[in-house]
Structure formats: structure tokens, C-alpha cells
Amino acid sequence: MPVVVAPDDLRANLAQHWDITADHYTSAFTPDVLQKLDPETTREMGFEVNVDGAKVDDSGRVLLPIWPLRATRR
């Protein structure tokens, strides 16, 4: 089960020694698909669906918080 860590907390704790280059990834989901998911299931997966606040890319695909972090050691 992934652990939810706020991006600000992540940067505050790692930014002294690491350059964080990604904290979201492009999913295959559109907001319409996410809206149909069971809220309890998504909560157990570590995220809650907020279609109105969802970030999307240029193709309309939802950007979700990333679980594997991409960073470069300074």
C-alpha cells in the first residue's frame, strides 16, 4: 500500500540533497472514468477522487500523484 506524502513535505525533507523532477504521472484515466470508480476502493489505494480538482494533461488524461519518486542526487 503506498504511503501518501504531501509534495511540500517531500520537498522540505529531500530538497537539500536531491533535485525532485517528478511528483505526478500521466494516467490512462479521463475525469469521466475516475468519477465512476468506487470511492472506498480509491481511498484504500491511497488517493481520493476529486474530479473537479483533477489536474489533466493536454490530452485530457488525469495526472495522479506519483508513487515512485524521480530525483537526482546533488
C-alpha atoms as a PDB file:
ATOM      1  CA  MET A   1       0.000   0.000   0.000  1.00  0.00           C
ATOM      2  CA  PRO A   2       1.534   3.334  -0.987  1.00  0.00           C
ATOM      3  CA  VAL A   3       2.071   5.969   1.672  1.00  0.00           C
ATOM      4  CA  VAL A   4       0.598   9.384   0.957  1.00  0.00           C
ATOM      5  CA  VAL A   5       3.166  12.144   1.472  1.00  0.00           C
ATOM      6  CA  ALA A   6       2.346  15.730   0.578  1.00  0.00           C
ATOM      7  CA  PRO A   7       4.617  17.154  -2.150  1.00  0.00           C
ATOM      8  CA  ASP A   8       5.560  20.096   0.098  1.00  0.00           C
ATOM      9  CA  ASP A   9       6.652  17.711   2.885  1.00  0.00           C
ATOM     10  CA  LEU A  10       8.592  15.616   0.413  1.00  0.00           C
ATOM     11  CA  ARG A  11      10.439  18.628  -0.960  1.00  0.00           C
ATOM     12  CA  ALA A  12      11.090  20.063   2.518  1.00  0.00           C
ATOM     13  CA  ASN A  13      12.749  16.827   3.621  1.00  0.00           C
ATOM     14  CA  LEU A  14      14.635  15.873   0.453  1.00  0.00           C
ATOM     15  CA  ALA A  15      15.351  19.123  -1.387  1.00  0.00           C
ATOM     16  CA  GLN A  16      18.575  19.832   0.492  1.00  0.00           C
ATOM     17  CA  HIS A  17      20.304  16.903  -1.224  1.00  0.00           C
ATOM     18  CA  TRP A  18      18.021  15.954  -4.121  1.00  0.00           C
ATOM     19  CA  ASP A  19      16.500  17.721  -7.128  1.00  0.00           C
ATOM     20  CA  ILE A  20      12.979  16.325  -7.432  1.00  0.00           C
ATOM     21  CA  THR A  21      11.871  16.331 -11.052  1.00  0.00           C
ATOM     22  CA  ALA A  22       8.528  14.497 -10.944  1.00  0.00           C
ATOM     23  CA  ASP A  23       5.754  14.095  -8.418  1.00  0.00           C
ATOM     24  CA  HIS A  24       2.867  13.254 -10.787  1.00  0.00           C
ATOM     25  CA  TYR A  25       2.434  10.837 -13.648  1.00  0.00           C
ATOM     26  CA  THR A  26       0.001  10.713 -16.532  1.00  0.00           C
ATOM     27  CA  SER A  27      -2.656   8.072 -16.061  1.00  0.00           C
ATOM     28  CA  ALA A  28      -4.781   6.470 -18.738  1.00  0.00           C
ATOM     29  CA  PHE A  29      -7.892   7.775 -16.971  1.00  0.00           C
ATOM     30  CA  THR A  30     -10.062  10.665 -18.022  1.00  0.00           C
ATOM     31  CA  PRO A  31     -12.090  12.540 -15.381  1.00  0.00           C
ATOM     32  CA  ASP A  32     -15.238  10.682 -16.547  1.00  0.00           C
ATOM     33  CA  VAL A  33     -13.627   7.304 -15.853  1.00  0.00           C
ATOM     34  CA  LEU A  34     -12.375   8.364 -12.417  1.00  0.00           C
ATOM     35  CA  GLN A  35     -15.818   9.589 -11.456  1.00  0.00           C
ATOM     36  CA  LYS A  36     -17.170   6.058 -11.983  1.00  0.00           C
ATOM     37  CA  LEU A  37     -14.642   4.410  -9.606  1.00  0.00           C
ATOM     38  CA  ASP A  38     -15.762   3.233  -6.185  1.00  0.00           C
ATOM     39  CA  PRO A  39     -14.640   5.871  -3.621  1.00  0.00           C
ATOM     40  CA  GLU A  40     -13.790   3.253  -0.979  1.00  0.00           C
ATOM     41  CA  THR A  41     -11.521   1.384  -3.404  1.00  0.00           C
ATOM     42  CA  THR A  42      -9.610   4.505  -4.425  1.00  0.00           C
ATOM     43  CA  ARG A  43      -9.253   5.581  -0.778  1.00  0.00           C
ATOM     44  CA  GLU A  44      -7.702   2.193   0.014  1.00  0.00           C
ATOM     45  CA  MET A  45      -5.284   2.723  -2.890  1.00  0.00           C
ATOM     46  CA  GLY A  46      -4.066   5.968  -1.313  1.00  0.00           C
ATOM     47  CA  PHE A  47      -5.995   8.621  -3.182  1.00  0.00           C
ATOM     48  CA  GLU A  48      -9.430  10.162  -3.254  1.00  0.00           C
ATOM     49  CA  VAL A  49     -11.178  11.146  -6.447  1.00  0.00           C
ATOM     50  CA  ASN A  50     -11.917  14.852  -6.811  1.00  0.00           C
ATOM     51  CA  VAL A  51     -12.887  15.220 -10.452  1.00  0.00           C
ATOM     52  CA  ASP A  52     -13.424  18.976 -10.120  1.00  0.00           C
ATOM     53  CA  GLY A  53      -9.891  19.452  -8.775  1.00  0.00           C
ATOM     54  CA  ALA A  54      -8.160  16.910 -11.008  1.00  0.00           C
ATOM     55  CA  LYS A  55      -5.115  18.035 -12.965  1.00  0.00           C
ATOM     56  CA  VAL A  56      -5.145  16.876 -16.585  1.00  0.00           C
ATOM     57  CA  ASP A  57      -2.601  16.885 -19.411  1.00  0.00           C
ATOM     58  CA  ASP A  58      -3.147  18.341 -22.888  1.00  0.00           C
ATOM     59  CA  SER A  59      -4.974  15.155 -23.945  1.00  0.00           C
ATOM     60  CA  GLY A  60      -7.425  15.288 -21.035  1.00  0.00           C
ATOM     61  CA  ARG A  61      -5.793  12.419 -19.114  1.00  0.00           C
ATOM     62  CA  VAL A  62      -5.692  12.788 -15.346  1.00  0.00           C
ATOM     63  CA  LEU A  63      -2.362  13.427 -13.631  1.00  0.00           C
ATOM     64  CA  LEU A  64      -2.107  11.376 -10.449  1.00  0.00           C
ATOM     65  CA  PRO A  65       0.396  11.618  -7.589  1.00  0.00           C
ATOM     66  CA  ILE A  66       3.430   9.504  -8.361  1.00  0.00           C
ATOM     67  CA  TRP A  67       4.442   6.673  -6.059  1.00  0.00           C
ATOM     68  CA  PRO A  68       7.963   6.032  -7.324  1.00  0.00           C
ATOM     69  CA  LEU A  69       9.798   9.337  -6.986  1.00  0.00           C
ATOM     70  CA  ARG A  70      12.165  10.640  -9.657  1.00  0.00           C
ATOM     71  CA  ALA A  71      15.048  12.625  -8.180  1.00  0.00           C
ATOM     72  CA  THR A  72      18.724  13.327  -8.844  1.00  0.00           C
ATOM     73  CA  ARG A  73      21.265  13.438  -6.008  1.00  0.00           C
ATOM     74  CA  ARG A  74      23.194  16.706  -5.923  1.00  0.00           C
END
